[in-house]
Protein backbone atom coordinates (compact mmCIF):
# COMPACT_ATOMS: atom_id res chain seq x y z
CA UNK A 1 0.00 0.00 0.00
CA UNK A 2 1.10 3.51 -0.78
CA UNK A 3 0.31 6.51 1.36
CA UNK A 4 -0.58 9.76 -0.40
CA UNK A 5 -0.69 13.23 1.16
CA UNK A 6 -4.09 14.93 1.02
CA UNK A 7 -4.32 18.48 -0.35
CA UNK A 8 -6.86 21.28 -0.66
CA UNK A 9 -7.61 23.47 -3.69
CA UNK A 10 -7.35 27.27 -3.58
CA UNK A 11 -11.04 27.66 -2.73
CA UNK A 12 -11.10 25.15 0.16
CA UNK A 13 -7.71 26.25 1.52
CA UNK A 14 -7.99 29.99 1.02
CA UNK A 15 -7.29 32.28 3.97
CA UNK A 16 -8.11 30.85 7.37
CA UNK A 17 -9.91 27.82 5.85
CA UNK A 18 -6.56 26.04 5.65
CA UNK A 19 -6.49 26.09 9.47
CA UNK A 20 -9.66 23.99 9.73
CA UNK A 21 -9.80 20.20 10.04
CA UNK A 22 -10.60 18.62 6.69
CA UNK A 23 -12.92 16.08 8.37
CA UNK A 24 -14.88 17.95 11.06
CA UNK A 25 -14.16 21.61 10.24
CA UNK A 26 -12.84 22.56 13.70
CA UNK A 27 -10.03 25.10 13.91
CA UNK A 28 -6.67 23.34 14.33
CA UNK A 29 -4.25 26.21 14.73
CA UNK A 30 -0.64 25.11 14.55
CA UNK A 31 -1.16 21.64 16.04
CA UNK A 32 -2.67 19.84 13.04
CA UNK A 33 -1.96 16.31 11.86
CA UNK A 34 -1.30 15.82 8.11
CA UNK A 35 -4.23 14.15 6.34
CA UNK A 36 -3.59 11.20 4.03
CA UNK A 37 -5.34 9.28 1.25
CA UNK A 38 -5.57 5.52 0.71
CA UNK A 39 -4.47 3.76 -2.50
CA UNK A 40 -7.91 4.03 -4.10
CA UNK A 41 -8.50 7.73 -3.30
CA UNK A 42 -4.93 8.77 -4.16
CA UNK A 43 -4.30 6.60 -7.21
CA UNK A 44 -3.51 8.17 -10.57
CA UNK A 45 -4.89 11.63 -11.17
CA UNK A 46 -7.20 11.39 -8.12
CA UNK A 47 -4.31 12.60 -5.95
CA UNK A 48 -4.49 15.91 -7.85
CA UNK A 49 -8.08 16.54 -6.72
CA UNK A 50 -9.03 18.49 -3.60
CA UNK A 51 -9.79 16.13 -0.72
CA UNK A 52 -12.70 18.32 0.36
CA UNK A 53 -14.58 19.35 -2.80
CA UNK A 54 -13.01 17.06 -5.44
CA UNK A 55 -11.97 19.83 -7.85
CA UNK A 56 -8.67 19.57 -9.68
CA UNK A 57 -6.03 21.60 -7.83
CA UNK A 58 -3.61 22.40 -10.59
CA UNK A 59 -0.17 23.45 -9.40
CA UNK A 60 -1.35 25.01 -6.13
CA UNK A 61 -1.62 22.38 -3.41
CA UNK A 62 -2.38 23.32 0.18
CA UNK A 63 -1.73 20.52 2.71
CA UNK A 64 -4.93 19.17 4.26
CA UNK A 65 -4.79 18.82 8.02
CA UNK A 66 -6.74 17.00 10.73
CA UNK A 67 -7.49 18.34 14.20
CA UNK A 68 -6.13 16.52 17.25
CA UNK A 69 -9.47 14.71 17.71
CA UNK A 70 -9.74 13.44 14.11
CA UNK A 71 -6.00 12.67 13.93
CA UNK A 72 -5.58 11.12 17.38
CA UNK A 73 -4.12 7.61 17.74
CA UNK A 74 -4.73 5.28 14.82
CA UNK A 75 -7.33 7.64 13.27
CA UNK A 76 -4.47 9.53 11.62
CA UNK A 77 -3.82 6.38 9.54
CA UNK A 78 -7.27 6.50 7.92
CA UNK A 79 -7.98 8.03 4.53
CA UNK A 80 -9.32 11.58 4.89
CA UNK A 81 -11.72 10.98 2.00
CA UNK A 82 -13.24 7.51 2.50
CA UNK A 83 -12.11 6.62 6.03
CA UNK A 84 -10.40 3.34 5.14
CA UNK A 85 -7.09 2.37 6.68
CA UNK A 86 -4.16 3.83 4.72
CA UNK A 87 -0.91 2.73 6.36
C-alpha atoms as a PDB file:
ATOM      1  CA  UNK A   1       0.000   0.000   0.000  1.00  0.00           C
ATOM      2  CA  UNK A   2       1.097   3.514  -0.785  1.00  0.00           C
ATOM      3  CA  UNK A   3       0.312   6.511   1.360  1.00  0.00           C
ATOM      4  CA  UNK A   4      -0.583   9.760  -0.397  1.00  0.00           C
ATOM      5  CA  UNK A   5      -0.692  13.226   1.158  1.00  0.00           C
ATOM      6  CA  UNK A   6      -4.089  14.934   1.015  1.00  0.00           C
ATOM      7  CA  UNK A   7      -4.316  18.481  -0.348  1.00  0.00           C
ATOM      8  CA  UNK A   8      -6.859  21.279  -0.661  1.00  0.00           C
ATOM      9  CA  UNK A   9      -7.609  23.467  -3.686  1.00  0.00           C
ATOM     10  CA  UNK A  10      -7.353  27.271  -3.576  1.00  0.00           C
ATOM     11  CA  UNK A  11     -11.041  27.659  -2.728  1.00  0.00           C
ATOM     12  CA  UNK A  12     -11.098  25.153   0.156  1.00  0.00           C
ATOM     13  CA  UNK A  13      -7.711  26.246   1.518  1.00  0.00           C
ATOM     14  CA  UNK A  14      -7.987  29.991   1.021  1.00  0.00           C
ATOM     15  CA  UNK A  15      -7.294  32.281   3.973  1.00  0.00           C
ATOM     16  CA  UNK A  16      -8.114  30.847   7.371  1.00  0.00           C
ATOM     17  CA  UNK A  17      -9.911  27.824   5.846  1.00  0.00           C
ATOM     18  CA  UNK A  18      -6.563  26.045   5.653  1.00  0.00           C
ATOM     19  CA  UNK A  19      -6.491  26.092   9.470  1.00  0.00           C
ATOM     20  CA  UNK A  20      -9.661  23.995   9.729  1.00  0.00           C
ATOM     21  CA  UNK A  21      -9.795  20.204  10.038  1.00  0.00           C
ATOM     22  CA  UNK A  22     -10.603  18.622   6.689  1.00  0.00           C
ATOM     23  CA  UNK A  23     -12.918  16.077   8.367  1.00  0.00           C
ATOM     24  CA  UNK A  24     -14.882  17.952  11.056  1.00  0.00           C
ATOM     25  CA  UNK A  25     -14.161  21.606  10.242  1.00  0.00           C
ATOM     26  CA  UNK A  26     -12.836  22.558  13.698  1.00  0.00           C
ATOM     27  CA  UNK A  27     -10.026  25.101  13.910  1.00  0.00           C
ATOM     28  CA  UNK A  28      -6.674  23.340  14.333  1.00  0.00           C
ATOM     29  CA  UNK A  29      -4.253  26.212  14.727  1.00  0.00           C
ATOM     30  CA  UNK A  30      -0.637  25.107  14.549  1.00  0.00           C
ATOM     31  CA  UNK A  31      -1.155  21.639  16.038  1.00  0.00           C
ATOM     32  CA  UNK A  32      -2.666  19.844  13.044  1.00  0.00           C
ATOM     33  CA  UNK A  33      -1.957  16.312  11.859  1.00  0.00           C
ATOM     34  CA  UNK A  34      -1.301  15.819   8.105  1.00  0.00           C
ATOM     35  CA  UNK A  35      -4.234  14.148   6.335  1.00  0.00           C
ATOM     36  CA  UNK A  36      -3.585  11.195   4.033  1.00  0.00           C
ATOM     37  CA  UNK A  37      -5.342   9.283   1.253  1.00  0.00           C
ATOM     38  CA  UNK A  38      -5.574   5.519   0.705  1.00  0.00           C
ATOM     39  CA  UNK A  39      -4.472   3.760  -2.504  1.00  0.00           C
ATOM     40  CA  UNK A  40      -7.915   4.030  -4.098  1.00  0.00           C
ATOM     41  CA  UNK A  41      -8.502   7.728  -3.299  1.00  0.00           C
ATOM     42  CA  UNK A  42      -4.931   8.771  -4.165  1.00  0.00           C
ATOM     43  CA  UNK A  43      -4.299   6.605  -7.213  1.00  0.00           C
ATOM     44  CA  UNK A  44      -3.507   8.172 -10.565  1.00  0.00           C
ATOM     45  CA  UNK A  45      -4.887  11.632 -11.172  1.00  0.00           C
ATOM     46  CA  UNK A  46      -7.198  11.394  -8.120  1.00  0.00           C
ATOM     47  CA  UNK A  47      -4.311  12.601  -5.947  1.00  0.00           C
ATOM     48  CA  UNK A  48      -4.488  15.909  -7.850  1.00  0.00           C
ATOM     49  CA  UNK A  49      -8.083  16.539  -6.725  1.00  0.00           C
ATOM     50  CA  UNK A  50      -9.030  18.487  -3.604  1.00  0.00           C
ATOM     51  CA  UNK A  51      -9.794  16.125  -0.718  1.00  0.00           C
ATOM     52  CA  UNK A  52     -12.696  18.321   0.363  1.00  0.00           C
ATOM     53  CA  UNK A  53     -14.576  19.349  -2.805  1.00  0.00           C
ATOM     54  CA  UNK A  54     -13.014  17.057  -5.444  1.00  0.00           C
ATOM     55  CA  UNK A  55     -11.974  19.835  -7.846  1.00  0.00           C
ATOM     56  CA  UNK A  56      -8.666  19.566  -9.680  1.00  0.00           C
ATOM     57  CA  UNK A  57      -6.029  21.603  -7.825  1.00  0.00           C
ATOM     58  CA  UNK A  58      -3.607  22.403 -10.592  1.00  0.00           C
ATOM     59  CA  UNK A  59      -0.165  23.450  -9.400  1.00  0.00           C
ATOM     60  CA  UNK A  60      -1.349  25.012  -6.134  1.00  0.00           C
ATOM     61  CA  UNK A  61      -1.616  22.384  -3.406  1.00  0.00           C
ATOM     62  CA  UNK A  62      -2.375  23.323   0.183  1.00  0.00           C
ATOM     63  CA  UNK A  63      -1.727  20.520   2.711  1.00  0.00           C
ATOM     64  CA  UNK A  64      -4.931  19.168   4.260  1.00  0.00           C
ATOM     65  CA  UNK A  65      -4.793  18.820   8.024  1.00  0.00           C
ATOM     66  CA  UNK A  66      -6.735  17.002  10.730  1.00  0.00           C
ATOM     67  CA  UNK A  67      -7.490  18.344  14.198  1.00  0.00           C
ATOM     68  CA  UNK A  68      -6.132  16.525  17.246  1.00  0.00           C
ATOM     69  CA  UNK A  69      -9.469  14.709  17.709  1.00  0.00           C
ATOM     70  CA  UNK A  70      -9.740  13.437  14.115  1.00  0.00           C
ATOM     71  CA  UNK A  71      -6.004  12.667  13.931  1.00  0.00           C
ATOM     72  CA  UNK A  72      -5.575  11.122  17.379  1.00  0.00           C
ATOM     73  CA  UNK A  73      -4.115   7.614  17.743  1.00  0.00           C
ATOM     74  CA  UNK A  74      -4.735   5.281  14.822  1.00  0.00           C
ATOM     75  CA  UNK A  75      -7.332   7.639  13.271  1.00  0.00           C
ATOM     76  CA  UNK A  76      -4.468   9.527  11.617  1.00  0.00           C
ATOM     77  CA  UNK A  77      -3.815   6.381   9.545  1.00  0.00           C
ATOM     78  CA  UNK A  78      -7.270   6.501   7.924  1.00  0.00           C
ATOM     79  CA  UNK A  79      -7.985   8.031   4.533  1.00  0.00           C
ATOM     80  CA  UNK A  80      -9.319  11.585   4.889  1.00  0.00           C
ATOM     81  CA  UNK A  81     -11.723  10.984   2.002  1.00  0.00           C
ATOM     82  CA  UNK A  82     -13.239   7.511   2.495  1.00  0.00           C
ATOM     83  CA  UNK A  83     -12.114   6.623   6.025  1.00  0.00           C
ATOM     84  CA  UNK A  84     -10.400   3.336   5.143  1.00  0.00           C
ATOM     85  CA  UNK A  85      -7.086   2.374   6.684  1.00  0.00           C
ATOM     86  CA  UNK A  86      -4.163   3.834   4.717  1.00  0.00           C
ATOM     87  CA  UNK A  87      -0.908   2.732   6.356  1.00  0.00           C
END
